N, C-alpha and C. Protein backbone atom coordinates (compact mmCIF):
# COMPACT_ATOMS: atom_id res chain seq x y z
N UNK A 1 0.82 -1.18 0.00
CA UNK A 1 0.00 0.00 0.00
C UNK A 1 0.87 1.26 0.00
N UNK A 2 1.94 1.24 0.82
CA UNK A 2 2.84 2.39 0.85
C UNK A 2 3.49 2.59 -0.50
N UNK A 3 3.83 1.49 -1.15
CA UNK A 3 4.46 1.60 -2.46
C UNK A 3 3.50 2.20 -3.48
N UNK A 4 2.25 1.84 -3.38
CA UNK A 4 1.25 2.35 -4.30
C UNK A 4 1.05 3.86 -4.11
N UNK A 5 1.00 4.32 -2.86
CA UNK A 5 0.85 5.76 -2.57
C UNK A 5 2.09 6.51 -3.03
N UNK A 6 3.28 5.95 -2.77
CA UNK A 6 4.52 6.59 -3.20
C UNK A 6 4.57 6.67 -4.72
N UNK A 7 4.14 5.59 -5.39
CA UNK A 7 4.13 5.57 -6.85
C UNK A 7 3.16 6.62 -7.40
N UNK A 8 1.99 6.76 -6.81
CA UNK A 8 1.01 7.76 -7.25
C UNK A 8 1.56 9.17 -7.03
N UNK A 9 2.23 9.41 -5.89
CA UNK A 9 2.83 10.73 -5.63
C UNK A 9 3.94 11.03 -6.62
N UNK A 10 4.78 10.05 -6.92
CA UNK A 10 5.86 10.27 -7.89
C UNK A 10 5.30 10.57 -9.28
N UNK A 11 4.30 9.81 -9.70
CA UNK A 11 3.68 10.04 -11.01
C UNK A 11 3.04 11.43 -11.01
N UNK A 12 2.38 11.81 -9.94
CA UNK A 12 1.72 13.12 -9.84
C UNK A 12 2.73 14.27 -9.90
N UNK A 13 3.89 14.11 -9.22
CA UNK A 13 4.91 15.16 -9.23
C UNK A 13 5.51 15.36 -10.61
N UNK A 14 5.79 14.28 -11.29
CA UNK A 14 6.43 14.41 -12.60
C UNK A 14 5.46 14.80 -13.70
N UNK A 15 4.19 14.53 -13.52
CA UNK A 15 3.22 14.89 -14.55
C UNK A 15 2.75 16.34 -14.41
N UNK A 16 3.03 17.02 -13.31
CA UNK A 16 2.60 18.40 -13.08
C UNK A 16 3.70 19.37 -13.50
N UNK A 17 3.85 19.57 -14.76
CA UNK A 17 4.79 20.58 -15.24
C UNK A 17 4.01 21.86 -15.51
N UNK A 18 4.71 22.98 -15.49
CA UNK A 18 4.06 24.26 -15.77
C UNK A 18 3.58 24.32 -17.20
N UNK A 19 2.70 25.27 -17.49
CA UNK A 19 2.20 25.39 -18.86
C UNK A 19 3.32 25.81 -19.82
N UNK A 20 3.35 25.18 -20.94
CA UNK A 20 4.38 25.50 -21.92
C UNK A 20 3.80 26.52 -22.91
N UNK A 21 4.51 27.65 -23.10
CA UNK A 21 3.97 28.67 -24.01
C UNK A 21 3.95 28.17 -25.44
N UNK A 22 2.94 28.67 -26.18
CA UNK A 22 2.84 28.29 -27.59
C UNK A 22 3.84 29.10 -28.41
N UNK A 23 4.35 28.51 -29.41
CA UNK A 23 5.27 29.18 -30.32
C UNK A 23 4.45 30.00 -31.32
N UNK A 24 4.95 31.18 -31.70
CA UNK A 24 4.22 31.98 -32.68
C UNK A 24 4.17 31.28 -34.04
N UNK A 25 3.05 31.44 -34.72
CA UNK A 25 2.88 30.83 -36.02
C UNK A 25 3.76 31.55 -37.05
N UNK A 26 3.83 32.91 -36.94
CA UNK A 26 4.60 33.70 -37.88
C UNK A 26 5.55 34.59 -37.09
N UNK A 27 6.80 34.62 -37.49
CA UNK A 27 7.81 35.43 -36.82
C UNK A 27 8.06 36.68 -37.66
N UNK A 28 7.90 37.87 -37.03
CA UNK A 28 8.16 39.12 -37.73
C UNK A 28 9.64 39.45 -37.63
N UNK A 29 10.22 39.80 -38.75
CA UNK A 29 11.64 40.12 -38.77
C UNK A 29 11.89 41.60 -38.56
N UNK A 30 10.84 42.42 -38.66
CA UNK A 30 11.01 43.87 -38.52
C UNK A 30 11.41 44.51 -39.84
N UNK A 31 11.43 43.76 -40.92
CA UNK A 31 11.87 44.31 -42.20
C UNK A 31 10.90 45.37 -42.72
N UNK A 32 9.61 45.25 -42.42
CA UNK A 32 8.67 46.28 -42.89
C UNK A 32 8.92 47.60 -42.17
N UNK A 33 9.28 47.54 -40.90
CA UNK A 33 9.62 48.77 -40.17
C UNK A 33 10.88 49.40 -40.74
N UNK A 34 11.87 48.56 -41.02
CA UNK A 34 13.13 49.07 -41.58
C UNK A 34 12.89 49.70 -42.95
N UNK A 35 12.05 49.08 -43.76
CA UNK A 35 11.74 49.63 -45.08
C UNK A 35 11.00 50.96 -44.94
N UNK A 36 10.09 51.06 -43.97
CA UNK A 36 9.36 52.30 -43.73
C UNK A 36 10.30 53.41 -43.29
N UNK A 37 11.22 53.09 -42.42
CA UNK A 37 12.20 54.08 -41.96
C UNK A 37 13.05 54.57 -43.13
N UNK A 38 13.47 53.66 -43.98
CA UNK A 38 14.29 54.03 -45.14
C UNK A 38 13.49 54.91 -46.11
N UNK A 39 12.22 54.59 -46.33
CA UNK A 39 11.38 55.42 -47.20
C UNK A 39 11.23 56.83 -46.62
N UNK A 40 11.03 56.90 -45.32
CA UNK A 40 10.86 58.20 -44.66
C UNK A 40 12.15 59.02 -44.75
N UNK A 41 13.28 58.38 -44.53
CA UNK A 41 14.57 59.08 -44.64
C UNK A 41 14.80 59.58 -46.07
N UNK A 42 14.50 58.76 -47.05
CA UNK A 42 14.69 59.15 -48.44
C UNK A 42 13.76 60.32 -48.80
N UNK A 43 12.51 60.28 -48.32
CA UNK A 43 11.56 61.37 -48.58
C UNK A 43 12.04 62.66 -47.94
N UNK A 44 12.51 62.60 -46.69
CA UNK A 44 13.00 63.79 -46.01
C UNK A 44 14.22 64.36 -46.73
N UNK A 45 15.13 63.50 -47.16
CA UNK A 45 16.32 63.97 -47.89
C UNK A 45 15.92 64.67 -49.19
N UNK A 46 14.95 64.11 -49.89
CA UNK A 46 14.47 64.70 -51.14
C UNK A 46 13.84 66.07 -50.88
N UNK A 47 13.02 66.17 -49.82
CA UNK A 47 12.37 67.44 -49.50
C UNK A 47 13.37 68.48 -49.02
N UNK A 48 14.35 68.06 -48.24
CA UNK A 48 15.37 69.01 -47.79
C UNK A 48 16.21 69.51 -48.96
N UNK A 49 16.46 68.65 -49.94
CA UNK A 49 17.18 69.07 -51.15
C UNK A 49 16.37 70.11 -51.90
N UNK A 50 15.06 69.89 -52.03
CA UNK A 50 14.17 70.84 -52.68
C UNK A 50 14.20 72.19 -51.95
N UNK A 51 14.12 72.15 -50.64
CA UNK A 51 14.15 73.38 -49.84
C UNK A 51 15.48 74.10 -50.02
N UNK A 52 16.57 73.37 -50.02
CA UNK A 52 17.90 73.99 -50.21
C UNK A 52 18.02 74.61 -51.60
N UNK A 53 17.41 73.99 -52.61
CA UNK A 53 17.41 74.57 -53.95
C UNK A 53 16.63 75.87 -53.99
N UNK A 54 15.49 75.90 -53.31
CA UNK A 54 14.68 77.13 -53.24
C UNK A 54 15.48 78.23 -52.55
N UNK A 55 16.14 77.89 -51.45
CA UNK A 55 16.94 78.87 -50.71
C UNK A 55 18.09 79.38 -51.57
N UNK A 56 18.76 78.48 -52.30
CA UNK A 56 19.89 78.88 -53.15
C UNK A 56 19.45 79.82 -54.27
N UNK A 57 18.25 79.61 -54.81
CA UNK A 57 17.75 80.47 -55.89
C UNK A 57 17.28 81.83 -55.39
N UNK A 58 16.96 81.93 -54.12
CA UNK A 58 16.41 83.17 -53.55
C UNK A 58 17.56 84.02 -53.01
N UNK A 59 17.99 84.99 -53.81
CA UNK A 59 19.11 85.85 -53.38
C UNK A 59 18.62 87.08 -52.62
N UNK A 60 17.32 87.26 -52.53
CA UNK A 60 16.75 88.44 -51.88
C UNK A 60 16.67 88.28 -50.37
N UNK A 61 16.36 87.08 -49.89
CA UNK A 61 16.10 86.86 -48.47
C UNK A 61 17.23 86.11 -47.78
N UNK A 62 17.35 86.35 -46.48
CA UNK A 62 18.29 85.63 -45.64
C UNK A 62 17.50 84.62 -44.83
N UNK A 63 17.76 83.35 -45.05
CA UNK A 63 17.02 82.28 -44.40
C UNK A 63 17.68 81.87 -43.09
N UNK A 64 16.85 81.54 -42.13
CA UNK A 64 17.29 81.01 -40.84
C UNK A 64 16.70 79.61 -40.70
N UNK A 65 17.38 78.76 -39.96
CA UNK A 65 16.83 77.42 -39.71
C UNK A 65 16.36 77.35 -38.27
N UNK A 66 15.15 76.84 -38.08
CA UNK A 66 14.63 76.69 -36.73
C UNK A 66 15.17 75.41 -36.12
N UNK A 67 15.04 75.30 -34.83
CA UNK A 67 15.51 74.10 -34.14
C UNK A 67 14.64 72.88 -34.43
N UNK A 68 13.45 73.10 -35.00
CA UNK A 68 12.54 71.99 -35.28
C UNK A 68 12.65 71.46 -36.71
N UNK A 69 13.46 72.12 -37.56
CA UNK A 69 13.69 71.60 -38.89
C UNK A 69 13.03 72.37 -40.02
N UNK A 70 12.50 73.54 -39.74
CA UNK A 70 11.95 74.36 -40.82
C UNK A 70 12.93 75.50 -41.12
N UNK A 71 12.76 76.14 -42.26
CA UNK A 71 13.57 77.29 -42.64
C UNK A 71 12.64 78.48 -42.81
N UNK A 72 13.14 79.69 -42.52
CA UNK A 72 12.27 80.85 -42.63
C UNK A 72 13.07 82.11 -42.88
N UNK A 73 12.37 83.12 -43.38
CA UNK A 73 12.94 84.46 -43.50
C UNK A 73 11.87 85.46 -43.07
N UNK A 74 12.35 86.62 -42.61
CA UNK A 74 11.43 87.66 -42.15
C UNK A 74 10.96 88.51 -43.33
N UNK A 75 9.66 88.71 -43.42
CA UNK A 75 9.09 89.68 -44.35
C UNK A 75 9.03 91.03 -43.65
N UNK A 76 8.63 91.02 -42.39
CA UNK A 76 8.59 92.21 -41.54
C UNK A 76 9.21 91.82 -40.20
N UNK A 77 10.26 92.53 -39.81
CA UNK A 77 10.95 92.22 -38.55
C UNK A 77 10.91 93.44 -37.65
N UNK A 78 10.59 93.24 -36.38
CA UNK A 78 10.56 94.32 -35.39
C UNK A 78 11.83 94.24 -34.57
N UNK A 79 12.75 95.16 -34.81
CA UNK A 79 14.04 95.17 -34.12
C UNK A 79 13.94 95.73 -32.70
N UNK A 80 12.89 96.48 -32.40
CA UNK A 80 12.78 97.14 -31.10
C UNK A 80 12.15 96.26 -30.03
N UNK A 81 11.14 95.52 -30.40
CA UNK A 81 10.42 94.70 -29.42
C UNK A 81 11.23 93.47 -29.04
N UNK A 82 11.07 93.05 -27.81
CA UNK A 82 11.73 91.82 -27.34
C UNK A 82 10.70 90.80 -26.87
N UNK A 83 9.43 91.13 -26.98
CA UNK A 83 8.38 90.28 -26.45
C UNK A 83 7.98 89.20 -27.44
N UNK A 84 8.20 87.96 -27.05
CA UNK A 84 7.76 86.82 -27.84
C UNK A 84 6.69 86.09 -27.04
N UNK A 85 5.81 85.38 -27.71
CA UNK A 85 4.74 84.69 -26.99
C UNK A 85 5.26 83.56 -26.10
N UNK A 86 4.65 83.43 -24.95
CA UNK A 86 4.96 82.37 -24.00
C UNK A 86 3.76 81.42 -23.93
N UNK A 87 3.93 80.23 -23.35
CA UNK A 87 2.87 79.22 -23.41
C UNK A 87 1.47 79.65 -22.97
N UNK A 88 1.33 80.51 -21.98
CA UNK A 88 0.00 80.89 -21.51
C UNK A 88 -0.59 82.11 -22.22
N UNK A 89 0.19 82.75 -23.08
CA UNK A 89 -0.27 83.97 -23.75
C UNK A 89 -1.29 83.65 -24.83
N UNK A 90 -2.18 84.61 -25.08
CA UNK A 90 -3.13 84.51 -26.19
C UNK A 90 -2.48 85.18 -27.40
N UNK A 91 -2.54 84.52 -28.54
CA UNK A 91 -1.93 85.04 -29.76
C UNK A 91 -3.00 85.18 -30.83
N UNK A 92 -3.03 86.33 -31.46
CA UNK A 92 -3.89 86.56 -32.60
C UNK A 92 -3.00 86.55 -33.83
N UNK A 93 -3.33 85.71 -34.80
CA UNK A 93 -2.44 85.53 -35.94
C UNK A 93 -3.23 85.28 -37.21
N UNK A 94 -2.53 85.39 -38.30
CA UNK A 94 -3.08 85.03 -39.60
C UNK A 94 -1.97 84.37 -40.41
N UNK A 95 -2.36 83.48 -41.31
CA UNK A 95 -1.36 82.77 -42.12
C UNK A 95 -1.99 82.28 -43.41
N UNK A 96 -1.14 81.93 -44.35
CA UNK A 96 -1.60 81.29 -45.57
C UNK A 96 -0.83 79.99 -45.76
N UNK A 97 -1.25 79.18 -46.71
CA UNK A 97 -0.53 77.95 -47.03
C UNK A 97 -0.37 77.90 -48.55
N UNK A 98 0.89 77.69 -48.97
CA UNK A 98 1.26 77.71 -50.38
C UNK A 98 2.10 76.48 -50.66
N UNK A 99 2.02 75.96 -51.88
CA UNK A 99 2.89 74.84 -52.26
C UNK A 99 4.30 75.35 -52.51
N UNK A 100 5.24 74.43 -52.66
CA UNK A 100 6.63 74.82 -52.92
C UNK A 100 6.80 75.44 -54.30
N UNK A 101 5.81 75.27 -55.17
CA UNK A 101 5.85 75.90 -56.49
C UNK A 101 5.04 77.19 -56.51
N UNK A 102 4.73 77.70 -55.34
CA UNK A 102 4.02 78.98 -55.14
C UNK A 102 2.56 78.96 -55.60
N UNK A 103 1.96 77.80 -55.63
CA UNK A 103 0.53 77.72 -55.90
C UNK A 103 -0.21 77.89 -54.58
N UNK A 104 -1.12 78.86 -54.51
CA UNK A 104 -1.85 79.12 -53.27
C UNK A 104 -2.82 77.99 -52.99
N UNK A 105 -2.72 77.45 -51.79
CA UNK A 105 -3.62 76.38 -51.36
C UNK A 105 -4.74 76.97 -50.50
N UNK A 106 -4.36 77.73 -49.48
CA UNK A 106 -5.31 78.44 -48.63
C UNK A 106 -4.83 79.89 -48.49
N UNK A 107 -5.69 80.85 -48.81
CA UNK A 107 -5.36 82.26 -48.68
C UNK A 107 -5.57 82.72 -47.24
N UNK A 108 -4.87 83.78 -46.86
CA UNK A 108 -5.03 84.34 -45.52
C UNK A 108 -6.47 84.73 -45.26
N UNK A 109 -7.12 85.35 -46.25
CA UNK A 109 -8.50 85.79 -46.04
C UNK A 109 -9.46 84.62 -45.90
N UNK A 110 -9.14 83.48 -46.54
CA UNK A 110 -9.99 82.30 -46.40
C UNK A 110 -9.83 81.65 -45.03
N UNK A 111 -8.61 81.65 -44.52
CA UNK A 111 -8.35 81.07 -43.19
C UNK A 111 -8.88 82.01 -42.11
N UNK A 112 -8.69 83.30 -42.33
CA UNK A 112 -9.17 84.29 -41.38
C UNK A 112 -8.17 84.54 -40.26
N UNK A 113 -8.59 85.37 -39.34
CA UNK A 113 -7.76 85.70 -38.17
C UNK A 113 -8.08 84.69 -37.08
N UNK A 114 -7.05 84.10 -36.53
CA UNK A 114 -7.20 83.07 -35.50
C UNK A 114 -6.65 83.61 -34.17
N UNK A 115 -7.30 83.19 -33.09
CA UNK A 115 -6.86 83.58 -31.75
C UNK A 115 -6.79 82.32 -30.90
N UNK A 116 -5.60 82.03 -30.38
CA UNK A 116 -5.36 80.81 -29.61
C UNK A 116 -4.47 81.11 -28.41
N UNK A 117 -4.58 80.31 -27.35
CA UNK A 117 -3.49 80.29 -26.36
C UNK A 117 -2.31 79.58 -27.02
N UNK A 118 -1.11 80.06 -26.80
CA UNK A 118 0.07 79.50 -27.45
C UNK A 118 0.21 78.01 -27.17
N UNK A 119 -0.09 77.58 -25.95
CA UNK A 119 0.07 76.17 -25.59
C UNK A 119 -1.00 75.28 -26.24
N UNK A 120 -2.04 75.87 -26.83
CA UNK A 120 -3.12 75.07 -27.43
C UNK A 120 -3.39 75.47 -28.87
N UNK A 121 -2.33 75.78 -29.59
CA UNK A 121 -2.48 76.18 -30.98
C UNK A 121 -3.03 75.02 -31.80
N UNK A 122 -4.09 75.28 -32.52
CA UNK A 122 -4.73 74.26 -33.34
C UNK A 122 -4.21 74.40 -34.78
N UNK A 123 -2.91 74.17 -34.95
CA UNK A 123 -2.25 74.32 -36.24
C UNK A 123 -1.43 73.07 -36.52
N UNK A 124 -0.98 72.91 -37.75
CA UNK A 124 -0.12 71.78 -38.05
C UNK A 124 1.23 71.97 -37.35
N UNK A 125 1.99 70.89 -37.09
CA UNK A 125 3.17 70.96 -36.22
C UNK A 125 4.18 72.04 -36.58
N UNK A 126 4.52 72.20 -37.84
CA UNK A 126 5.52 73.20 -38.22
C UNK A 126 5.08 74.60 -37.87
N UNK A 127 3.84 74.93 -38.16
CA UNK A 127 3.33 76.27 -37.86
C UNK A 127 3.20 76.48 -36.36
N UNK A 128 2.77 75.45 -35.65
CA UNK A 128 2.66 75.53 -34.20
C UNK A 128 4.02 75.84 -33.57
N UNK A 129 5.08 75.23 -34.09
CA UNK A 129 6.43 75.47 -33.57
C UNK A 129 7.00 76.80 -34.02
N UNK A 130 6.41 77.41 -35.03
CA UNK A 130 6.92 78.67 -35.57
C UNK A 130 6.39 79.90 -34.84
N UNK A 131 5.22 79.79 -34.25
CA UNK A 131 4.62 80.95 -33.56
C UNK A 131 5.54 81.53 -32.49
N UNK A 132 6.18 80.72 -31.63
CA UNK A 132 7.05 81.30 -30.61
C UNK A 132 8.31 81.99 -31.15
N UNK A 133 8.61 81.84 -32.43
CA UNK A 133 9.79 82.48 -33.01
C UNK A 133 9.56 83.94 -33.35
N UNK A 134 8.29 84.33 -33.47
CA UNK A 134 7.97 85.69 -33.92
C UNK A 134 7.46 86.56 -32.78
N UNK A 135 7.66 87.86 -32.97
CA UNK A 135 7.16 88.86 -32.03
C UNK A 135 5.90 89.51 -32.62
N UNK A 136 5.24 90.32 -31.82
CA UNK A 136 4.04 91.01 -32.28
C UNK A 136 4.37 91.87 -33.49
N UNK A 137 3.48 91.87 -34.47
CA UNK A 137 3.60 92.63 -35.72
C UNK A 137 4.74 92.16 -36.63
N UNK A 138 5.24 90.97 -36.42
CA UNK A 138 6.25 90.42 -37.31
C UNK A 138 5.59 89.44 -38.28
N UNK A 139 6.17 89.35 -39.46
CA UNK A 139 5.71 88.42 -40.48
C UNK A 139 6.92 87.66 -41.01
N UNK A 140 6.77 86.36 -41.14
CA UNK A 140 7.85 85.54 -41.69
C UNK A 140 7.26 84.48 -42.60
N UNK A 141 8.05 84.06 -43.58
CA UNK A 141 7.66 82.99 -44.48
C UNK A 141 8.47 81.76 -44.11
N UNK A 142 7.78 80.66 -43.91
CA UNK A 142 8.38 79.41 -43.46
C UNK A 142 8.30 78.35 -44.56
N UNK A 143 9.33 77.51 -44.63
CA UNK A 143 9.37 76.36 -45.53
C UNK A 143 9.38 75.12 -44.65
N UNK A 144 8.40 74.24 -44.87
CA UNK A 144 8.25 73.05 -44.04
C UNK A 144 8.37 71.78 -44.87
N UNK A 145 9.18 70.82 -44.43
CA UNK A 145 9.10 69.49 -45.06
C UNK A 145 7.76 68.87 -44.69
N UNK A 146 7.33 67.87 -45.43
CA UNK A 146 6.00 67.29 -45.21
C UNK A 146 5.83 66.73 -43.80
N UNK A 147 6.93 66.28 -43.19
CA UNK A 147 6.84 65.73 -41.84
C UNK A 147 6.43 66.79 -40.82
N UNK A 148 6.71 68.07 -41.10
CA UNK A 148 6.28 69.16 -40.22
C UNK A 148 4.99 69.81 -40.71
N UNK A 149 4.55 69.43 -41.90
CA UNK A 149 3.30 69.97 -42.43
C UNK A 149 2.17 69.00 -42.07
N UNK A 150 1.50 68.46 -43.04
CA UNK A 150 0.39 67.56 -42.76
C UNK A 150 0.76 66.09 -42.92
N UNK A 151 2.05 65.82 -43.23
CA UNK A 151 2.56 64.46 -43.25
C UNK A 151 1.91 63.55 -44.28
N UNK A 152 1.90 62.29 -43.96
CA UNK A 152 1.41 61.26 -44.87
C UNK A 152 -0.08 61.41 -45.14
N UNK A 153 -0.81 61.89 -44.17
CA UNK A 153 -2.27 61.92 -44.26
C UNK A 153 -2.81 63.08 -45.09
N UNK A 154 -2.13 64.21 -45.11
CA UNK A 154 -2.67 65.40 -45.76
C UNK A 154 -3.76 66.01 -44.89
N UNK A 155 -4.54 66.91 -45.45
CA UNK A 155 -5.60 67.54 -44.66
C UNK A 155 -7.00 67.09 -45.08
N UNK A 156 -7.08 66.04 -45.89
CA UNK A 156 -8.34 65.50 -46.39
C UNK A 156 -9.10 66.50 -47.27
N UNK A 157 -8.38 67.50 -47.79
CA UNK A 157 -9.04 68.48 -48.64
C UNK A 157 -8.10 68.86 -49.79
N UNK A 158 -7.36 69.94 -49.62
CA UNK A 158 -6.50 70.44 -50.70
C UNK A 158 -5.04 70.01 -50.58
N UNK A 159 -4.62 69.60 -49.40
CA UNK A 159 -3.22 69.23 -49.18
C UNK A 159 -3.10 67.72 -49.27
N UNK A 160 -2.25 67.29 -50.18
CA UNK A 160 -2.10 65.87 -50.44
C UNK A 160 -1.11 65.18 -49.52
N UNK A 161 -0.84 63.94 -49.83
CA UNK A 161 0.08 63.09 -49.08
C UNK A 161 1.51 63.58 -49.24
N UNK A 162 2.23 63.65 -48.13
CA UNK A 162 3.66 64.00 -48.12
C UNK A 162 3.96 65.25 -48.95
N UNK A 163 3.28 66.33 -48.65
CA UNK A 163 3.42 67.57 -49.41
C UNK A 163 4.17 68.61 -48.58
N UNK A 164 5.40 68.99 -48.99
CA UNK A 164 6.08 70.08 -48.28
C UNK A 164 5.36 71.40 -48.58
N UNK A 165 5.39 72.31 -47.63
CA UNK A 165 4.60 73.54 -47.75
C UNK A 165 5.39 74.79 -47.41
N UNK A 166 4.89 75.91 -47.92
CA UNK A 166 5.33 77.25 -47.51
C UNK A 166 4.16 77.89 -46.78
N UNK A 167 4.48 78.72 -45.81
CA UNK A 167 3.42 79.44 -45.12
C UNK A 167 3.96 80.78 -44.65
N UNK A 168 3.19 81.83 -44.87
CA UNK A 168 3.54 83.15 -44.37
C UNK A 168 2.67 83.41 -43.15
N UNK A 169 3.32 83.64 -42.03
CA UNK A 169 2.67 83.78 -40.73
C UNK A 169 2.87 85.20 -40.21
N UNK A 170 1.79 85.81 -39.73
CA UNK A 170 1.86 87.14 -39.12
C UNK A 170 1.27 87.06 -37.73
N UNK A 171 2.03 87.53 -36.74
CA UNK A 171 1.53 87.65 -35.37
C UNK A 171 0.96 89.05 -35.24
N UNK A 172 -0.35 89.13 -35.09
CA UNK A 172 -1.02 90.42 -35.01
C UNK A 172 -0.99 91.00 -33.60
N UNK A 173 -1.17 90.13 -32.61
CA UNK A 173 -1.24 90.62 -31.23
C UNK A 173 -0.86 89.50 -30.28
N UNK A 174 -0.14 89.87 -29.22
CA UNK A 174 0.18 88.96 -28.13
C UNK A 174 -0.43 89.54 -26.86
N UNK A 175 -1.31 88.79 -26.24
CA UNK A 175 -1.92 89.22 -24.98
C UNK A 175 -1.28 88.42 -23.87
N UNK A 176 -0.48 89.09 -23.06
CA UNK A 176 0.20 88.43 -21.96
C UNK A 176 -0.81 88.02 -20.91
N UNK A 177 -0.72 86.79 -20.48
CA UNK A 177 -1.60 86.28 -19.43
C UNK A 177 -0.82 86.24 -18.13
N UNK A 178 -1.34 86.86 -17.12
CA UNK A 178 -0.68 86.88 -15.82
C UNK A 178 -1.30 85.80 -14.94
N UNK A 179 -0.45 85.05 -14.28
CA UNK A 179 -0.96 84.00 -13.38
C UNK A 179 -1.67 84.64 -12.20
N UNK A 180 -2.86 84.13 -11.91
CA UNK A 180 -3.59 84.63 -10.73
C UNK A 180 -3.38 83.61 -9.59
N UNK A 181 -2.85 84.11 -8.51
CA UNK A 181 -2.55 83.24 -7.36
C UNK A 181 -3.62 83.38 -6.32
């Protein structure tokens, strides 16, 4: 009887192994991600080359590069003012959107005058990052690669897939917001 109980315990111990995980049916190599990264790099290089060609042909303006990857020049620059918008300030602005071949996509009058808190600008990434570069009553023209414009998706209207853009932005008014304690 003792042998039978010992035998049952031994069989029970050896038959109770932990669950074995299932092997995946398909193994992803990551090659589609690598191909996507390469396509994106090639597209950005092509767009940056186009932007550099535009800059090289334009002998009238002095272009600056922003820290976010856009290029711009001032149409109207205020040398006296030092006030730039801060995150809590309200900004009144107007802008247009133009293709790199200077075809107007959206006119300033069609877009209208917009008023936003700087931290909640409802603009595409490149333009959103450009607002803090300008002071009140300044106007600048920006060149954006598609990754800073509307990207792969476009705007579902006039701006297509992977379209680099130009935009002329004017800061009409900056209303400083004071923290209330």
